[in-house]
Protein backbone atom coordinates (compact mmCIF):
# COMPACT_ATOMS: atom_id res chain seq x y z
CA MET A 1 -32.94 -28.65 76.90
CA SER A 2 -36.49 -27.43 77.39
CA SER A 3 -39.27 -27.00 74.86
CA PHE A 4 -42.53 -25.08 74.86
CA ALA A 5 -45.41 -24.07 72.58
CA ALA A 6 -46.08 -20.38 71.93
CA GLU A 7 -47.38 -17.86 69.41
CA VAL A 8 -45.56 -14.92 67.81
CA ILE A 9 -47.24 -11.74 69.03
CA ASP A 10 -44.97 -9.00 67.63
CA ILE A 11 -41.92 -8.47 65.43
CA ARG A 12 -39.62 -5.50 64.98
CA GLU A 13 -36.46 -4.81 63.02
CA GLU A 14 -33.37 -4.75 65.22
CA SER A 15 -30.77 -3.68 62.66
CA ARG A 16 -29.90 -3.46 58.99
CA VAL A 17 -26.21 -3.52 58.06
CA ALA A 18 -24.80 -4.04 54.56
CA GLY A 19 -28.10 -5.44 53.32
CA ARG A 20 -28.47 -7.92 56.20
CA GLN A 21 -31.33 -7.58 58.62
CA ARG A 22 -31.79 -8.85 62.16
CA TRP A 23 -35.19 -8.98 63.78
CA GLN A 24 -36.66 -9.32 67.23
CA MET A 25 -39.76 -11.42 67.88
CA ALA A 26 -41.95 -11.42 70.99
CA LEU A 27 -43.89 -14.55 71.94
CA ASP A 28 -46.97 -14.92 74.13
CA ARG A 29 -44.87 -17.17 76.38
CA THR A 30 -41.22 -18.22 76.44
CA GLU A 31 -38.67 -20.20 78.38
CA PHE A 32 -35.74 -18.28 76.85
CA VAL A 33 -33.83 -15.93 79.14
CA ALA A 34 -30.95 -13.53 78.46
CA GLY A 35 -27.94 -15.44 77.15
CA ASP A 36 -29.95 -18.36 75.78
CA VAL A 37 -29.85 -19.59 72.18
CA GLY A 38 -32.06 -22.17 70.53
CA VAL A 39 -34.62 -22.58 67.78
CA LEU A 40 -38.22 -21.76 66.99
CA GLU A 41 -40.01 -24.23 64.74
CA ALA A 42 -43.22 -23.63 62.79
CA VAL A 43 -45.16 -25.18 59.94
CA ALA A 44 -45.85 -22.98 56.90
CA ARG A 45 -49.25 -22.98 55.18
CA SER A 46 -47.63 -25.07 52.45
CA GLY A 47 -46.79 -27.70 55.06
CA ALA A 48 -43.07 -26.96 54.96
CA ARG A 49 -41.26 -27.12 58.31
CA LEU A 50 -39.58 -23.82 59.22
CA VAL A 51 -36.65 -23.69 61.65
CA VAL A 52 -35.59 -20.25 62.85
CA PRO A 53 -32.41 -20.05 64.96
CA VAL A 54 -32.67 -17.79 68.03
CA LEU A 55 -29.33 -15.96 68.07
CA GLY A 56 -29.88 -14.26 71.41
CA VAL A 57 -32.45 -12.80 73.78
CA VAL A 58 -32.88 -9.19 74.86
CA MET A 59 -35.11 -7.62 77.50
CA ASP A 60 -36.91 -4.35 76.77
CA ALA A 61 -39.40 -2.80 79.21
CA GLY A 62 -40.00 -6.19 80.81
CA GLU A 63 -40.62 -7.98 77.51
CA VAL A 64 -38.46 -10.81 76.19
CA TRP A 65 -37.41 -10.39 72.54
CA HIS A 66 -35.89 -13.27 70.55
CA VAL A 67 -33.20 -12.14 68.07
CA VAL A 68 -33.50 -13.86 64.65
CA GLU A 69 -32.39 -13.28 61.06
CA LYS A 70 -35.71 -14.36 59.52
CA PRO A 71 -38.88 -13.40 61.40
CA LEU A 72 -42.16 -15.27 61.45
CA ALA A 73 -45.46 -13.41 61.10
CA ALA A 74 -47.46 -12.40 64.15
CA GLY A 75 -50.01 -15.11 64.90
CA THR A 76 -47.68 -17.96 63.89
CA ALA A 77 -47.71 -20.94 66.26
CA VAL A 78 -44.20 -22.07 67.18
CA MET A 79 -42.44 -24.74 69.18
CA GLY A 80 -39.45 -23.28 71.01
CA ARG A 81 -36.42 -25.32 72.02
CA VAL A 82 -33.86 -23.72 74.31
CA GLY A 83 -30.22 -24.78 74.13
CA VAL A 84 -30.45 -26.33 70.66
CA SER A 85 -28.35 -25.07 67.75
CA VAL A 86 -29.02 -25.46 64.05
CA GLU A 87 -25.96 -26.39 62.04
């Protein structure tokens, strides 16, 4: 398991099916590669700890996009952990 600090730099909707959305988030740095899963952790302004499972990783034009069901806003500081699952 590896961990790293990063910042969300972009988000985009991946899909919307039957009212469920999936998103892709780009980070300013990452240790995720295609096939990896893990989590991104952040702290909300309220102080609440947010844990966002990374369901997969896709490459697009040389950029790494992290597939999630609930995106974080651009500018959010995160701690990424590769190979960890949330259950």
